Structures are given as structure tokens and as C-alpha cells.
């Protein structure tokens, strides 16, 4: 199969090869000249198609003899970039992101409760301990992000994990800015830690319903307390 014509045809061809599994994650693509010859397209068409795939996070490019263009091993990173643009353009509201995050966090916590293991629980316990020790907004923000991603990883659902990461990245700057100016941060931080502790307790007990409910409630209450829904 070959692609004839402009960069749209090249883009469709390469996207199809990736989507149908004929080009696996991590695979190095032929260079620009080879692709152009193989697809019967101009080098500029190939170059533009690669640029689009790179912007979408589908491929990565690196200079040097061992570099080149490869199919991304973690294309889920592209979700975050796209959501950030939508937030910046105000096409997705913070309220909509919060509602979506509640659904995802609920699902992640429910699955984590059914697939819990000692290693995952130990990581959550360690993060809870660190959260009690670090009082600055920036430090807590980093640990808070790590906590939610750890829960998502325990669920072993790559789509939920990638979407959770994407939404977290999209709202990260807004959350951190709100935490930095929160007048009652010293009272809010311990409350957030206790909410995390409740989620972990439900996961440890294997209570999926409670874990999911507590996770969703935590997202709603924290966003409300930080006035992200105003």
C-alpha cells in the first residue's frame, strides 16, 4: 500500500499503519527520503505529516545517528497537551474538567480497590506520610499529583491512567495558583490529606463503592475549596 499526493495522504497512511498495529510503539520510521520514495510523495509532504504527528504526540523526533523519528511509546501524553490548549482557548471550562475528573477518579479508585496489591498500597502510604511533612503549596501539589496518579496506576487501566494524567496536567497550573493564594491553606492541607487517607483505607479494604465515592467527593470538595468552580 502506498500514499499518493499531499501531506494529508501521507498523514492518513502513517496514522493507519500505527492504528492497525503494523507499526509498533518505539519503532523507528524510515527517514524522510525513504518515506517519500516509498509513498510516492514529496519530501515536504512527508515532513509536514511528521510535524502533525509530532504535535499530536504520536511520534517523537531526536537528532543524531541513533535518533530519528519513532512511534511514541507513551502517546497518552498528547491528551494533556490538547486539553491544555482547550483550557487556554476557553473551549473547555474548569467545571467541565472537574466533572470529568470526578468520573475518572471514581473509576480509578473503584478498580484500584479490586486490584490492590501490597506494592501499590505501600506507595500510597508513603505518599501520605510525605504529604503530612511538606507544608508548602508547591511541594504538596507535587505529592498530590503523585498520589492521584498512583491510584490510577493501581487500577491497571491505561486509558483511565492516561486521561487522569491529561486532566491533571490541564488543571495543574490552576490548582497550584489557587493553592498559593488560598487564605486558609494551613487548614485546608490537613483536610486534603485526611481525604486521601480515607480513599486509601477504602482501597485497602477492597470497598470499591466507598473508594469511588470518596475519590469523587474529594475532587469536588477540593476544587470547590480552592474556588476553581467560581
Protein backbone atom coordinates (compact mmCIF):
# COMPACT_ATOMS: atom_id res chain seq x y z
CA UNK A 1 0.00 0.00 0.00
CA UNK A 2 1.26 3.46 -0.84
CA UNK A 3 0.10 7.03 -0.22
CA UNK A 4 -0.09 9.38 -3.18
CA UNK A 5 -0.44 13.16 -3.08
CA UNK A 6 -0.06 15.79 -0.41
CA UNK A 7 0.73 15.64 3.26
CA UNK A 8 -2.89 14.69 4.15
CA UNK A 9 -2.46 11.42 2.25
CA UNK A 10 0.86 10.76 3.96
CA UNK A 11 -0.69 11.57 7.33
CA UNK A 12 -3.63 9.23 6.71
CA UNK A 13 -1.28 6.45 5.62
CA UNK A 14 1.07 6.74 8.62
CA UNK A 15 -1.84 7.08 11.06
CA UNK A 16 -3.45 3.97 9.58
CA UNK A 17 -0.24 1.97 9.85
CA UNK A 18 0.03 2.89 13.53
CA UNK A 19 -3.64 2.37 14.37
CA UNK A 20 -3.73 -1.06 12.72
CA UNK A 21 -0.64 -2.18 14.62
CA UNK A 22 1.59 -2.53 11.59
CA UNK A 23 4.00 -0.06 13.19
CA UNK A 24 4.51 -0.75 16.90
CA UNK A 25 5.30 1.77 19.67
CA UNK A 26 9.01 2.51 19.77
CA UNK A 27 9.52 1.59 16.11
CA UNK A 28 11.83 3.89 14.19
CA UNK A 29 10.24 5.18 10.99
CA UNK A 30 12.20 5.32 7.72
CA UNK A 31 13.85 8.65 7.10
CA UNK A 32 12.22 11.44 5.14
CA UNK A 33 13.77 10.46 1.80
CA UNK A 34 12.86 6.78 2.17
CA UNK A 35 9.27 7.56 3.16
CA UNK A 36 8.84 9.95 0.26
CA UNK A 37 10.10 7.34 -2.22
CA UNK A 38 8.01 4.56 -0.70
CA UNK A 39 4.81 6.60 -0.62
CA UNK A 40 5.24 8.42 -3.91
CA UNK A 41 5.04 11.76 -2.13
CA UNK A 42 7.25 14.80 -1.90
CA UNK A 43 9.70 15.15 0.96
CA UNK A 44 7.89 18.32 2.05
CA UNK A 45 4.62 16.35 2.31
CA UNK A 46 6.34 13.74 4.48
CA UNK A 47 7.91 16.47 6.59
CA UNK A 48 4.56 18.18 7.22
CA UNK A 49 2.85 14.89 8.08
CA UNK A 50 5.60 14.07 10.61
CA UNK A 51 5.21 17.54 12.14
CA UNK A 52 1.49 16.95 12.65
CA UNK A 53 2.06 13.52 14.22
CA UNK A 54 4.73 15.02 16.46
CA UNK A 55 2.39 17.80 17.58
CA UNK A 56 -0.24 15.17 18.38
CA UNK A 57 2.28 13.25 20.49
CA UNK A 58 2.05 10.19 18.24
CA UNK A 59 5.73 10.26 17.25
CA UNK A 60 8.91 11.61 18.79
CA UNK A 61 11.89 13.01 16.93
CA UNK A 62 15.50 13.08 18.08
CA UNK A 63 18.64 14.31 16.27
CA UNK A 64 21.72 12.24 15.60
CA UNK A 65 22.56 8.89 14.08
CA UNK A 66 20.70 6.98 16.77
CA UNK A 67 17.77 9.40 16.81
CA UNK A 68 15.27 9.84 14.02
CA UNK A 69 11.50 9.60 14.21
CA UNK A 70 9.91 6.89 16.33
CA UNK A 71 6.36 5.96 17.20
CA UNK A 72 5.79 7.23 20.73
CA UNK A 73 5.92 4.63 23.48
CA UNK A 74 3.51 6.74 25.55
CA UNK A 75 1.16 8.54 23.13
CA UNK A 76 -1.20 9.27 26.02
CA UNK A 77 0.99 12.31 26.78
CA UNK A 78 -0.74 14.02 23.87
CA UNK A 79 -4.03 14.14 25.78
CA UNK A 80 -2.57 16.61 28.24
CA UNK A 81 -1.26 18.95 25.57
CA UNK A 82 -4.58 19.01 23.74
CA UNK A 83 -6.55 19.65 26.92
CA UNK A 84 -4.20 22.47 27.92
CA UNK A 85 -4.88 24.16 24.60
CA UNK A 86 -8.63 23.77 25.04
CA UNK A 87 -8.44 25.26 28.53
CA UNK A 88 -6.30 28.14 27.27
CA UNK A 89 -8.78 28.80 24.47
CA UNK A 90 -11.67 28.51 26.93
CA UNK A 91 -13.39 25.83 24.86
CA UNK A 92 -13.49 23.56 27.93
CA UNK A 93 -14.47 25.06 31.28
CA UNK A 94 -12.96 24.24 34.65
CA UNK A 95 -16.38 22.98 35.75
CA UNK A 96 -16.45 20.53 32.84
CA UNK A 97 -12.92 19.35 33.65
CA UNK A 98 -13.88 18.90 37.30
CA UNK A 99 -16.94 16.84 36.39
CA UNK A 100 -14.88 14.67 34.06
CA UNK A 101 -12.14 14.29 36.64
CA UNK A 102 -14.71 13.15 39.21
CA UNK A 103 -15.86 10.38 36.87
CA UNK A 104 -12.29 9.27 36.13
CA UNK A 105 -11.09 9.41 39.74
CA UNK A 106 -14.14 7.41 40.84
CA UNK A 107 -13.45 4.76 38.21
CA UNK A 108 -9.73 4.62 39.04
CA UNK A 109 -10.35 4.22 42.78
CA UNK A 110 -13.02 1.57 42.25
CA UNK A 111 -10.74 -0.55 40.09
CA UNK A 112 -7.79 0.05 42.43
CA UNK A 113 -9.85 -1.39 45.29
CA UNK A 114 -10.47 -4.59 43.34
CA UNK A 115 -6.87 -4.94 42.12
CA UNK A 116 -4.97 -3.66 45.15
CA UNK A 117 -1.59 -5.13 45.97
CA UNK A 118 0.99 -4.63 48.70
CA UNK A 119 3.35 -2.66 46.48
CA UNK A 120 0.69 -0.20 45.38
CA UNK A 121 -0.63 0.27 48.90
CA UNK A 122 2.89 0.84 50.23
CA UNK A 123 3.40 3.58 47.65
CA UNK A 124 0.15 5.30 48.68
CA UNK A 125 1.09 5.05 52.37
CA UNK A 126 4.50 6.57 51.63
CA UNK A 127 2.92 9.47 49.75
CA UNK A 128 0.52 10.10 52.63
CA UNK A 129 3.46 10.29 55.03
CA UNK A 130 5.25 12.77 52.81
CA UNK A 131 2.11 14.89 52.42
CA UNK A 132 1.99 15.35 56.19
CA UNK A 133 5.57 16.59 56.24
CA UNK A 134 5.58 19.12 53.40
CA UNK A 135 3.56 22.26 54.01
CA UNK A 136 4.40 24.43 51.01
CA UNK A 137 1.83 24.59 48.24
CA UNK A 138 4.32 23.55 45.55
CA UNK A 139 5.59 20.51 47.46
CA UNK A 140 2.09 19.39 48.38
CA UNK A 141 0.91 19.92 44.82
CA UNK A 142 3.63 17.58 43.50
CA UNK A 143 2.80 14.93 46.10
CA UNK A 144 -0.93 15.32 45.47
CA UNK A 145 -0.35 14.72 41.76
CA UNK A 146 1.78 11.66 42.55
CA UNK A 147 -0.96 10.31 44.83
CA UNK A 148 -3.72 10.51 42.24
CA UNK A 149 -1.54 9.01 39.54
CA UNK A 150 -0.55 6.17 41.87
CA UNK A 151 -4.23 5.34 42.39
CA UNK A 152 -4.77 5.38 38.63
CA UNK A 153 -1.80 3.04 38.08
CA UNK A 154 -3.15 0.56 40.62
CA UNK A 155 -6.30 0.22 38.54
CA UNK A 156 -4.22 -1.11 35.64
CA UNK A 157 -6.41 0.63 33.04
CA UNK A 158 -4.16 2.53 30.66
CA UNK A 159 -6.92 4.72 29.25
CA UNK A 160 -8.11 5.81 32.70
CA UNK A 161 -4.49 6.40 33.70
CA UNK A 162 -3.68 8.45 30.61
CA UNK A 163 -6.86 10.52 30.84
CA UNK A 164 -6.26 11.10 34.56
CA UNK A 165 -2.75 12.34 33.78
CA UNK A 166 -4.05 14.51 30.94
CA UNK A 167 -6.70 16.24 33.02
CA UNK A 168 -4.32 16.66 35.92
CA UNK A 169 -1.81 18.34 33.61
CA UNK A 170 -4.53 20.55 32.13
CA UNK A 171 -5.60 21.88 35.53
CA UNK A 172 -2.21 21.74 37.30
CA UNK A 173 -1.32 25.41 36.93
CA UNK A 174 -4.79 26.48 38.02
CA UNK A 175 -4.69 24.24 41.11
CA UNK A 176 -1.22 25.40 42.12
CA UNK A 177 -2.12 29.07 41.66
CA UNK A 178 -5.22 28.58 43.79
CA UNK A 179 -3.25 26.77 46.50
CA UNK A 180 -0.67 29.57 46.61
CA UNK A 181 -3.31 32.22 47.30
CA UNK A 182 -5.68 30.18 49.45
CA UNK A 183 -6.09 32.18 52.69
CA UNK A 184 -6.83 29.06 54.74
CA UNK A 185 -4.19 26.81 53.19
CA UNK A 186 -2.84 25.71 56.58
CA UNK A 187 -6.28 24.35 57.48
CA UNK A 188 -7.08 23.04 54.01
CA UNK A 189 -3.95 20.93 53.56
CA UNK A 190 -4.60 18.59 56.55
CA UNK A 191 -8.18 18.14 55.33
CA UNK A 192 -6.99 17.09 51.90
CA UNK A 193 -4.55 14.62 53.46
CA UNK A 194 -7.35 13.09 55.54
CA UNK A 195 -9.49 12.73 52.43
CA UNK A 196 -6.60 10.93 50.76
CA UNK A 197 -6.27 8.73 53.82
CA UNK A 198 -9.94 7.78 53.57
CA UNK A 199 -9.54 6.80 49.92
CA UNK A 200 -6.54 4.60 50.76
CA UNK A 201 -8.41 2.95 53.64
CA UNK A 202 -11.31 2.04 51.34
CA UNK A 203 -8.92 0.69 48.70
CA UNK A 204 -7.11 -1.39 51.33
CA UNK A 205 -10.43 -2.88 52.48
CA UNK A 206 -11.39 -3.66 48.89
CA UNK A 207 -14.51 -1.49 49.20
CA UNK A 208 -14.83 -0.29 45.61
CA UNK A 209 -18.05 1.66 46.17
CA UNK A 210 -16.62 3.62 49.10
CA UNK A 211 -13.29 4.22 47.36
CA UNK A 212 -15.01 5.56 44.27
CA UNK A 213 -17.41 7.75 46.21
CA UNK A 214 -14.67 9.20 48.40
CA UNK A 215 -12.44 9.90 45.37
CA UNK A 216 -15.22 11.76 43.52
CA UNK A 217 -16.20 13.69 46.65
CA UNK A 218 -12.56 14.64 47.20
CA UNK A 219 -12.21 16.12 43.72
CA UNK A 220 -15.43 18.10 44.08
CA UNK A 221 -14.70 19.40 47.56
CA UNK A 222 -11.06 20.31 46.85
CA UNK A 223 -11.90 22.18 43.66
CA UNK A 224 -14.70 23.97 45.47
CA UNK A 225 -12.47 24.89 48.42
CA UNK A 226 -9.87 26.27 46.02
CA UNK A 227 -12.60 28.27 44.26
CA UNK A 228 -11.87 26.63 40.94
CA UNK A 229 -15.58 26.36 40.19
CA UNK A 230 -16.40 30.05 40.64
